[in-house]
Full PDB file with SEQRES, HELIX, SHEET, SSBOND, CRYST1, ORIGX, SCALE, CONECT and MASTER records, all heavy atoms in Angstrom:
SEQRES   1 A   34  ALA ILE ALA TYR ALA LEU PHE GLY SER LYS ALA LEU PRO          
SEQRES   2 A   34  ASP SER LEU GLU ASP THR VAL THR TRP GLY LYS PRO VAL          
SEQRES   3 A   34  ALA THR LEU LYS VAL TYR LEU THR                              
HELIX    1 AA1 ILE A    2  PHE A    7  1                                   6    
HELIX    2 AA2 SER A    9  ALA A   11  5                                   3    
HELIX    3 AA3 LEU A   16  THR A   19  1                                   4    
HELIX    4 AA4 VAL A   26  THR A   28  5                                   3    
CRYST1    1.000    1.000    1.000  90.00  90.00  90.00 P 1           1          
ORIGX1      1.000000  0.000000  0.000000        0.00000                         
ORIGX2      0.000000  1.000000  0.000000        0.00000                         
ORIGX3      0.000000  0.000000  1.000000        0.00000                         
SCALE1      1.000000  0.000000  0.000000        0.00000                         
SCALE2      0.000000  1.000000  0.000000        0.00000                         
SCALE3      0.000000  0.000000  1.000000        0.00000                         
ATOM      1  N   ALA A   1       0.830  -1.208   0.000  1.00  0.00           N  
ATOM      2  CA  ALA A   1       0.000   0.000   0.000  1.00  0.00           C  
ATOM      3  C   ALA A   1       0.866   1.260   0.000  1.00  0.00           C  
ATOM      4  O   ALA A   1       0.534   2.243  -0.669  1.00  0.00           O  
ATOM      5  CB  ALA A   1      -0.939  -0.007   1.209  1.00  0.00           C  
ATOM      6  N   ILE A   2       1.967   1.242   0.731  1.00  0.00           N  
ATOM      7  CA  ILE A   2       2.885   2.380   0.730  1.00  0.00           C  
ATOM      8  C   ILE A   2       3.457   2.581  -0.675  1.00  0.00           C  
ATOM      9  O   ILE A   2       3.493   3.708  -1.190  1.00  0.00           O  
ATOM     10  CB  ILE A   2       4.007   2.190   1.773  1.00  0.00           C  
ATOM     11  CG1 ILE A   2       3.414   2.248   3.188  1.00  0.00           C  
ATOM     12  CG2 ILE A   2       5.099   3.249   1.593  1.00  0.00           C  
ATOM     13  CD1 ILE A   2       4.359   1.806   4.282  1.00  0.00           C  
ATOM     14  N   ALA A   3       3.881   1.501  -1.313  1.00  0.00           N  
ATOM     15  CA  ALA A   3       4.406   1.592  -2.681  1.00  0.00           C  
ATOM     16  C   ALA A   3       3.342   2.120  -3.633  1.00  0.00           C  
ATOM     17  O   ALA A   3       3.627   2.961  -4.493  1.00  0.00           O  
ATOM     18  CB  ALA A   3       4.918   0.233  -3.134  1.00  0.00           C  
ATOM     19  N   TYR A   4       2.108   1.654  -3.480  1.00  0.00           N  
ATOM     20  CA  TYR A   4       1.000   2.103  -4.322  1.00  0.00           C  
ATOM     21  C   TYR A   4       0.756   3.605  -4.133  1.00  0.00           C  
ATOM     22  O   TYR A   4       0.555   4.343  -5.093  1.00  0.00           O  
ATOM     23  CB  TYR A   4      -0.254   1.302  -3.985  1.00  0.00           C  
ATOM     24  CG  TYR A   4      -1.510   1.783  -4.661  1.00  0.00           C  
ATOM     25  CD1 TYR A   4      -1.664   1.680  -6.040  1.00  0.00           C  
ATOM     26  CD2 TYR A   4      -2.545   2.334  -3.920  1.00  0.00           C  
ATOM     27  CE1 TYR A   4      -2.839   2.110  -6.662  1.00  0.00           C  
ATOM     28  CE2 TYR A   4      -3.714   2.759  -4.534  1.00  0.00           C  
ATOM     29  CZ  TYR A   4      -3.849   2.651  -5.904  1.00  0.00           C  
ATOM     30  OH  TYR A   4      -5.000   3.089  -6.512  1.00  0.00           O  
ATOM     31  N   ALA A   5       0.778   4.064  -2.885  1.00  0.00           N  
ATOM     32  CA  ALA A   5       0.542   5.483  -2.603  1.00  0.00           C  
ATOM     33  C   ALA A   5       1.629   6.358  -3.208  1.00  0.00           C  
ATOM     34  O   ALA A   5       1.358   7.450  -3.695  1.00  0.00           O  
ATOM     35  CB  ALA A   5       0.455   5.703  -1.094  1.00  0.00           C  
ATOM     36  N   LEU A   6       2.858   5.870  -3.187  1.00  0.00           N  
ATOM     37  CA  LEU A   6       3.975   6.672  -3.692  1.00  0.00           C  
ATOM     38  C   LEU A   6       4.162   6.583  -5.205  1.00  0.00           C  
ATOM     39  O   LEU A   6       4.536   7.567  -5.843  1.00  0.00           O  
ATOM     40  CB  LEU A   6       5.272   6.253  -2.989  1.00  0.00           C  
ATOM     41  CG  LEU A   6       5.355   6.542  -1.493  1.00  0.00           C  
ATOM     42  CD1 LEU A   6       6.606   5.920  -0.907  1.00  0.00           C  
ATOM     43  CD2 LEU A   6       5.317   8.045  -1.234  1.00  0.00           C  
ATOM     44  N   PHE A   7       3.915   5.402  -5.780  1.00  0.00           N  
ATOM     45  CA  PHE A   7       4.282   5.168  -7.180  1.00  0.00           C  
ATOM     46  C   PHE A   7       3.137   4.737  -8.087  1.00  0.00           C  
ATOM     47  O   PHE A   7       3.339   4.546  -9.277  1.00  0.00           O  
ATOM     48  CB  PHE A   7       5.407   4.129  -7.247  1.00  0.00           C  
ATOM     49  CG  PHE A   7       6.599   4.497  -6.417  1.00  0.00           C  
ATOM     50  CD1 PHE A   7       6.901   3.801  -5.256  1.00  0.00           C  
ATOM     51  CD2 PHE A   7       7.409   5.562  -6.776  1.00  0.00           C  
ATOM     52  CE1 PHE A   7       7.997   4.143  -4.480  1.00  0.00           C  
ATOM     53  CE2 PHE A   7       8.505   5.912  -5.997  1.00  0.00           C  
ATOM     54  CZ  PHE A   7       8.806   5.203  -4.850  1.00  0.00           C  
ATOM     55  N   GLY A   8       1.936   4.552  -7.542  1.00  0.00           N  
ATOM     56  CA  GLY A   8       0.794   4.175  -8.357  1.00  0.00           C  
ATOM     57  C   GLY A   8       0.688   2.680  -8.583  1.00  0.00           C  
ATOM     58  O   GLY A   8       1.464   1.884  -8.057  1.00  0.00           O  
ATOM     59  N   SER A   9      -0.267   2.288  -9.411  1.00  0.00           N  
ATOM     60  CA  SER A   9      -0.593   0.877  -9.602  1.00  0.00           C  
ATOM     61  C   SER A   9       0.530   0.078 -10.257  1.00  0.00           C  
ATOM     62  O   SER A   9       0.583  -1.137 -10.113  1.00  0.00           O  
ATOM     63  CB  SER A   9      -1.876   0.730 -10.406  1.00  0.00           C  
ATOM     64  OG  SER A   9      -1.727   1.304 -11.686  1.00  0.00           O  
ATOM     65  N   LYS A  10       1.452   0.737 -10.952  1.00  0.00           N  
ATOM     66  CA  LYS A  10       2.568   0.013 -11.574  1.00  0.00           C  
ATOM     67  C   LYS A  10       3.512  -0.586 -10.532  1.00  0.00           C  
ATOM     68  O   LYS A  10       4.285  -1.481 -10.842  1.00  0.00           O  
ATOM     69  CB  LYS A  10       3.329   0.923 -12.526  1.00  0.00           C  
ATOM     70  CG  LYS A  10       2.485   1.294 -13.722  1.00  0.00           C  
ATOM     71  CD  LYS A  10       3.299   1.977 -14.782  1.00  0.00           C  
ATOM     72  CE  LYS A  10       2.373   2.405 -15.886  1.00  0.00           C  
ATOM     73  NZ  LYS A  10       2.621   1.834 -17.148  1.00  0.00           N  
ATOM     74  N   ALA A  11       3.438  -0.098  -9.292  1.00  0.00           N  
ATOM     75  CA  ALA A  11       4.279  -0.623  -8.213  1.00  0.00           C  
ATOM     76  C   ALA A  11       3.707  -1.896  -7.598  1.00  0.00           C  
ATOM     77  O   ALA A  11       4.378  -2.556  -6.813  1.00  0.00           O  
ATOM     78  CB  ALA A  11       4.454   0.437  -7.124  1.00  0.00           C  
ATOM     79  N   LEU A  12       2.469  -2.239  -7.951  1.00  0.00           N  
ATOM     80  CA  LEU A  12       1.827  -3.424  -7.380  1.00  0.00           C  
ATOM     81  C   LEU A  12       2.184  -4.673  -8.161  1.00  0.00           C  
ATOM     82  O   LEU A  12       2.275  -4.633  -9.393  1.00  0.00           O  
ATOM     83  CB  LEU A  12       0.305  -3.253  -7.391  1.00  0.00           C  
ATOM     84  CG  LEU A  12      -0.262  -2.147  -6.513  1.00  0.00           C  
ATOM     85  CD1 LEU A  12      -1.757  -1.998  -6.750  1.00  0.00           C  
ATOM     86  CD2 LEU A  12       0.028  -2.418  -5.044  1.00  0.00           C  
ATOM     87  N   PRO A  13       2.345  -5.801  -7.476  1.00  0.00           N  
ATOM     88  CA  PRO A  13       2.630  -7.054  -8.177  1.00  0.00           C  
ATOM     89  C   PRO A  13       1.398  -7.633  -8.875  1.00  0.00           C  
ATOM     90  O   PRO A  13       1.515  -8.481  -9.749  1.00  0.00           O  
ATOM     91  CB  PRO A  13       3.113  -7.988  -7.067  1.00  0.00           C  
ATOM     92  CG  PRO A  13       2.492  -7.451  -5.824  1.00  0.00           C  
ATOM     93  CD  PRO A  13       2.395  -5.962  -6.025  1.00  0.00           C  
ATOM     94  N   ASP A  14       0.201  -7.176  -8.472  1.00  0.00           N  
ATOM     95  CA  ASP A  14      -1.061  -7.668  -9.031  1.00  0.00           C  
ATOM     96  C   ASP A  14      -1.870  -6.497  -9.578  1.00  0.00           C  
ATOM     97  O   ASP A  14      -1.590  -5.336  -9.282  1.00  0.00           O  
ATOM     98  CB  ASP A  14      -1.881  -8.392  -7.954  1.00  0.00           C  
ATOM     99  CG  ASP A  14      -1.140  -9.574  -7.362  1.00  0.00           C  
ATOM    100  OD1 ASP A  14      -0.627 -10.393  -8.142  1.00  0.00           O  
ATOM    101  OD2 ASP A  14      -1.079  -9.665  -6.121  1.00  0.00           O  
ATOM    102  N   SER A  15      -2.905  -6.793 -10.332  1.00  0.00           N  
ATOM    103  CA  SER A  15      -3.811  -5.764 -10.844  1.00  0.00           C  
ATOM    104  C   SER A  15      -4.627  -5.179  -9.694  1.00  0.00           C  
ATOM    105  O   SER A  15      -4.704  -5.765  -8.609  1.00  0.00           O  
ATOM    106  CB  SER A  15      -4.744  -6.368 -11.886  1.00  0.00           C  
ATOM    107  OG  SER A  15      -5.629  -7.283 -11.257  1.00  0.00           O  
ATOM    108  N   LEU A  16      -5.258  -4.046  -9.942  1.00  0.00           N  
ATOM    109  CA  LEU A  16      -6.143  -3.464  -8.927  1.00  0.00           C  
ATOM    110  C   LEU A  16      -7.299  -4.399  -8.609  1.00  0.00           C  
ATOM    111  O   LEU A  16      -7.731  -4.488  -7.466  1.00  0.00           O  
ATOM    112  CB  LEU A  16      -6.670  -2.108  -9.392  1.00  0.00           C  
ATOM    113  CG  LEU A  16      -5.653  -0.973  -9.415  1.00  0.00           C  
ATOM    114  CD1 LEU A  16      -6.294   0.304  -9.953  1.00  0.00           C  
ATOM    115  CD2 LEU A  16      -5.059  -0.739  -8.041  1.00  0.00           C  
ATOM    116  N   GLU A  17      -7.770  -5.119  -9.619  1.00  0.00           N  
ATOM    117  CA  GLU A  17      -8.866  -6.073  -9.410  1.00  0.00           C  
ATOM    118  C   GLU A  17      -8.462  -7.183  -8.444  1.00  0.00           C  
ATOM    119  O   GLU A  17      -9.289  -7.707  -7.704  1.00  0.00           O  
ATOM    120  CB  GLU A  17      -9.319  -6.670 -10.741  1.00  0.00           C  
ATOM    121  CG  GLU A  17     -10.044  -5.705 -11.658  1.00  0.00           C  
ATOM    122  CD  GLU A  17      -9.126  -4.751 -12.427  1.00  0.00           C  
ATOM    123  OE1 GLU A  17      -7.881  -4.914 -12.374  1.00  0.00           O  
ATOM    124  OE2 GLU A  17      -9.637  -3.834 -13.074  1.00  0.00           O  
ATOM    125  N   ASP A  18      -7.178  -7.548  -8.457  1.00  0.00           N  
ATOM    126  CA  ASP A  18      -6.688  -8.587  -7.556  1.00  0.00           C  
ATOM    127  C   ASP A  18      -6.184  -8.015  -6.228  1.00  0.00           C  
ATOM    128  O   ASP A  18      -5.887  -8.766  -5.304  1.00  0.00           O  
ATOM    129  CB  ASP A  18      -5.575  -9.385  -8.221  1.00  0.00           C  
ATOM    130  CG  ASP A  18      -6.082 -10.252  -9.352  1.00  0.00           C  
ATOM    131  OD1 ASP A  18      -7.267 -10.643  -9.323  1.00  0.00           O  
ATOM    132  OD2 ASP A  18      -5.297 -10.537 -10.283  1.00  0.00           O  
ATOM    133  N   THR A  19      -6.076  -6.689  -6.138  1.00  0.00           N  
ATOM    134  CA  THR A  19      -5.576  -6.040  -4.928  1.00  0.00           C  
ATOM    135  C   THR A  19      -6.710  -5.602  -4.011  1.00  0.00           C  
ATOM    136  O   THR A  19      -6.573  -5.637  -2.789  1.00  0.00           O  
ATOM    137  CB  THR A  19      -4.704  -4.818  -5.301  1.00  0.00           C  
ATOM    138  OG1 THR A  19      -3.627  -5.264  -6.138  1.00  0.00           O  
ATOM    139  CG2 THR A  19      -4.126  -4.156  -4.075  1.00  0.00           C  
ATOM    140  N   VAL A  20      -7.834  -5.200  -4.582  1.00  0.00           N  
ATOM    141  CA  VAL A  20      -8.962  -4.743  -3.776  1.00  0.00           C  
ATOM    142  C   VAL A  20      -9.460  -5.890  -2.890  1.00  0.00           C  
ATOM    143  O   VAL A  20      -9.331  -7.066  -3.238  1.00  0.00           O  
ATOM    144  CB  VAL A  20     -10.097  -4.196  -4.681  1.00  0.00           C  
ATOM    145  CG1 VAL A  20     -10.756  -5.289  -5.480  1.00  0.00           C  
ATOM    146  CG2 VAL A  20     -11.110  -3.410  -3.870  1.00  0.00           C  
ATOM    147  N   THR A  21      -9.992  -5.551  -1.728  1.00  0.00           N  
ATOM    148  CA  THR A  21     -10.555  -6.545  -0.813  1.00  0.00           C  
ATOM    149  C   THR A  21     -11.590  -7.381  -1.556  1.00  0.00           C  
ATOM    150  O   THR A  21     -12.412  -6.846  -2.292  1.00  0.00           O  
ATOM    151  CB  THR A  21     -11.197  -5.842   0.392  1.00  0.00           C  
ATOM    152  OG1 THR A  21     -10.187  -5.065   1.059  1.00  0.00           O  
ATOM    153  CG2 THR A  21     -11.783  -6.841   1.372  1.00  0.00           C  
ATOM    154  N   TRP A  22     -11.529  -8.695  -1.362  1.00  0.00           N  
ATOM    155  CA  TRP A  22     -12.401  -9.630  -2.076  1.00  0.00           C  
ATOM    156  C   TRP A  22     -13.860  -9.223  -1.917  1.00  0.00           C  
ATOM    157  O   TRP A  22     -14.337  -8.950  -0.818  1.00  0.00           O  
ATOM    158  CB  TRP A  22     -12.191 -11.050  -1.560  1.00  0.00           C  
ATOM    159  CG  TRP A  22     -12.887 -12.067  -2.399  1.00  0.00           C  
ATOM    160  CD1 TRP A  22     -12.416 -12.638  -3.542  1.00  0.00           C  
ATOM    161  CD2 TRP A  22     -14.182 -12.609  -2.180  1.00  0.00           C  
ATOM    162  NE1 TRP A  22     -13.342 -13.512  -4.057  1.00  0.00           N  
ATOM    163  CE2 TRP A  22     -14.450 -13.514  -3.230  1.00  0.00           C  
ATOM    164  CE3 TRP A  22     -15.152 -12.430  -1.214  1.00  0.00           C  
ATOM    165  CZ2 TRP A  22     -15.624 -14.224  -3.340  1.00  0.00           C  
ATOM    166  CZ3 TRP A  22     -16.339 -13.136  -1.318  1.00  0.00           C  
ATOM    167  CH2 TRP A  22     -16.550 -14.027  -2.369  1.00  0.00           C  
ATOM    168  N   GLY A  23     -14.570  -9.142  -3.048  1.00  0.00           N  
ATOM    169  CA  GLY A  23     -15.983  -8.828  -3.049  1.00  0.00           C  
ATOM    170  C   GLY A  23     -16.308  -7.342  -3.057  1.00  0.00           C  
ATOM    171  O   GLY A  23     -17.475  -6.962  -3.091  1.00  0.00           O  
ATOM    172  N   LYS A  24     -15.298  -6.487  -3.017  1.00  0.00           N  
ATOM    173  CA  LYS A  24     -15.510  -5.034  -3.011  1.00  0.00           C  
ATOM    174  C   LYS A  24     -15.214  -4.471  -4.396  1.00  0.00           C  
ATOM    175  O   LYS A  24     -14.352  -4.967  -5.115  1.00  0.00           O  
ATOM    176  CB  LYS A  24     -14.589  -4.356  -1.989  1.00  0.00           C  
ATOM    177  CG  LYS A  24     -14.728  -4.878  -0.583  1.00  0.00           C  
ATOM    178  CD  LYS A  24     -16.052  -4.492   0.020  1.00  0.00           C  
ATOM    179  CE  LYS A  24     -16.100  -4.946   1.471  1.00  0.00           C  
ATOM    180  NZ  LYS A  24     -17.316  -4.589   2.134  1.00  0.00           N  
ATOM    181  N   PRO A  25     -15.912  -3.408  -4.795  1.00  0.00           N  
ATOM    182  CA  PRO A  25     -15.632  -2.783  -6.090  1.00  0.00           C  
ATOM    183  C   PRO A  25     -14.246  -2.122  -6.106  1.00  0.00           C  
ATOM    184  O   PRO A  25     -13.796  -1.586  -5.087  1.00  0.00           O  
ATOM    185  CB  PRO A  25     -16.723  -1.713  -6.224  1.00  0.00           C  
ATOM    186  CG  PRO A  25     -17.744  -2.032  -5.195  1.00  0.00           C  
ATOM    187  CD  PRO A  25     -17.061  -2.818  -4.128  1.00  0.00           C  
ATOM    188  N   VAL A  26     -13.585  -2.167  -7.239  1.00  0.00           N  
ATOM    189  CA  VAL A  26     -12.246  -1.586  -7.375  1.00  0.00           C  
ATOM    190  C   VAL A  26     -12.246  -0.111  -6.989  1.00  0.00           C  
ATOM    191  O   VAL A  26     -11.290   0.381  -6.381  1.00  0.00           O  
ATOM    192  CB  VAL A  26     -11.707  -1.778  -8.812  1.00  0.00           C  
ATOM    193  CG1 VAL A  26     -10.411  -1.026  -9.016  1.00  0.00           C  
ATOM    194  CG2 VAL A  26     -11.506  -3.254  -9.107  1.00  0.00           C  
ATOM    195  N   ALA A  27     -13.312   0.588  -7.305  1.00  0.00           N  
ATOM    196  CA  ALA A  27     -13.384   2.026  -7.024  1.00  0.00           C  
ATOM    197  C   ALA A  27     -13.351   2.349  -5.526  1.00  0.00           C  
ATOM    198  O   ALA A  27     -13.115   3.491  -5.147  1.00  0.00           O  
ATOM    199  CB  ALA A  27     -14.639   2.628  -7.646  1.00  0.00           C  
ATOM    200  N   THR A  28     -13.562   1.350  -4.674  1.00  0.00           N  
ATOM    201  CA  THR A  28     -13.555   1.600  -3.227  1.00  0.00           C  
ATOM    202  C   THR A  28     -12.161   1.451  -2.623  1.00  0.00           C  
ATOM    203  O   THR A  28     -11.965   1.785  -1.462  1.00  0.00           O  
ATOM    204  CB  THR A  28     -14.522   0.656  -2.491  1.00  0.00           C  
ATOM    205  OG1 THR A  28     -14.087  -0.702  -2.638  1.00  0.00           O  
ATOM    206  CG2 THR A  28     -15.939   0.818  -3.013  1.00  0.00           C  
ATOM    207  N   LEU A  29     -11.194   0.962  -3.393  1.00  0.00           N  
ATOM    208  CA  LEU A  29      -9.822   0.810  -2.903  1.00  0.00           C  
ATOM    209  C   LEU A  29      -9.212   2.195  -2.739  1.00  0.00           C  
ATOM    210  O   LEU A  29      -9.181   2.993  -3.670  1.00  0.00           O  
ATOM    211  CB  LEU A  29      -9.004  -0.007  -3.909  1.00  0.00           C  
ATOM    212  CG  LEU A  29      -7.569  -0.331  -3.531  1.00  0.00           C  
ATOM    213  CD1 LEU A  29      -7.176  -1.658  -4.148  1.00  0.00           C  
ATOM    214  CD2 LEU A  29      -6.621   0.740  -3.961  1.00  0.00           C  
ATOM    215  N   LYS A  30      -8.743   2.492  -1.528  1.00  0.00           N  
ATOM    216  CA  LYS A  30      -8.145   3.796  -1.236  1.00  0.00           C  
ATOM    217  C   LYS A  30      -6.945   3.613  -0.320  1.00  0.00           C  
ATOM    218  O   LYS A  30      -6.948   2.767   0.575  1.00  0.00           O  
ATOM    219  CB  LYS A  30      -9.136   4.718  -0.525  1.00  0.00           C  
ATOM    220  CG  LYS A  30     -10.451   4.913  -1.230  1.00  0.00           C  
ATOM    221  CD  LYS A  30     -10.389   6.048  -2.208  1.00  0.00           C  
ATOM    222  CE  LYS A  30     -11.763   6.352  -2.737  1.00  0.00           C  
ATOM    223  NZ  LYS A  30     -11.974   6.021  -4.105  1.00  0.00           N  
ATOM    224  N   VAL A  31      -5.920   4.431  -0.542  1.00  0.00           N  
ATOM    225  CA  VAL A  31      -4.770   4.499   0.353  1.00  0.00           C  
ATOM    226  C   VAL A  31      -4.470   5.974   0.586  1.00  0.00           C  
ATOM    227  O   VAL A  31      -4.284   6.733  -0.364  1.00  0.00           O  
ATOM    228  CB  VAL A  31      -3.531   3.802  -0.233  1.00  0.00           C  
ATOM    229  CG1 VAL A  31      -2.335   3.970   0.698  1.00  0.00           C  
ATOM    230  CG2 VAL A  31      -3.797   2.334  -0.480  1.00  0.00           C  
ATOM    231  N   TYR A  32      -4.446   6.367   1.844  1.00  0.00           N  
ATOM    232  CA  TYR A  32      -4.095   7.725   2.225  1.00  0.00           C  
ATOM    233  C   TYR A  32      -2.771   7.649   2.964  1.00  0.00           C  
ATOM    234  O   TYR A  32      -2.655   6.926   3.954  1.00  0.00           O  
ATOM    235  CB  TYR A  32      -5.159   8.338   3.140  1.00  0.00           C  
ATOM    236  CG  TYR A  32      -6.538   8.341   2.539  1.00  0.00           C  
ATOM    237  CD1 TYR A  32      -7.434   7.295   2.784  1.00  0.00           C  
ATOM    238  CD2 TYR A  32      -6.946   9.381   1.716  1.00  0.00           C  
ATOM    239  CE1 TYR A  32      -8.698   7.301   2.231  1.00  0.00           C  
ATOM    240  CE2 TYR A  32      -8.223   9.390   1.157  1.00  0.00           C  
ATOM    241  CZ  TYR A  32      -9.085   8.340   1.418  1.00  0.00           C  
ATOM    242  OH  TYR A  32     -10.349   8.340   0.873  1.00  0.00           O  
ATOM    243  N   LEU A  33      -1.785   8.383   2.503  1.00  0.00           N  
ATOM    244  CA  LEU A  33      -0.457   8.351   3.112  1.00  0.00           C  
ATOM    245  C   LEU A  33      -0.057   9.780   3.455  1.00  0.00           C  
ATOM    246  O   LEU A  33      -0.109  10.673   2.613  1.00  0.00           O  
ATOM    247  CB  LEU A  33       0.553   7.741   2.135  1.00  0.00           C  
ATOM    248  CG  LEU A  33       1.977   7.561   2.629  1.00  0.00           C  
ATOM    249  CD1 LEU A  33       2.027   6.564   3.786  1.00  0.00           C  
ATOM    250  CD2 LEU A  33       2.871   7.086   1.502  1.00  0.00           C  
ATOM    251  N   THR A  34       0.318   9.995   4.712  1.00  0.00           N  
ATOM    252  CA  THR A  34       0.813  11.285   5.150  1.00  0.00           C  
ATOM    253  C   THR A  34       2.287  11.118   5.507  1.00  0.00           C  
ATOM    254  O   THR A  34       2.646  10.215   6.260  1.00  0.00           O  
ATOM    255  CB  THR A  34       0.044  11.766   6.400  1.00  0.00           C  
ATOM    256  OG1 THR A  34      -1.353  11.752   6.115  1.00  0.00           O  
ATOM    257  CG2 THR A  34       0.455  13.165   6.801  1.00  0.00           C  
TER     258      THR A  34                                                      
MASTER        0    0    0    4    0    0    0    6  257    1    0    3          
END                                                                             
């Protein structure tokens, strides 16, 4: 999640569809980093 917040979805090993919590819409995936 830290990598995603800093560098975007290209930093993830999986797609957003495979990263979002199971059964939740992709649009609900959020990371807030301060």
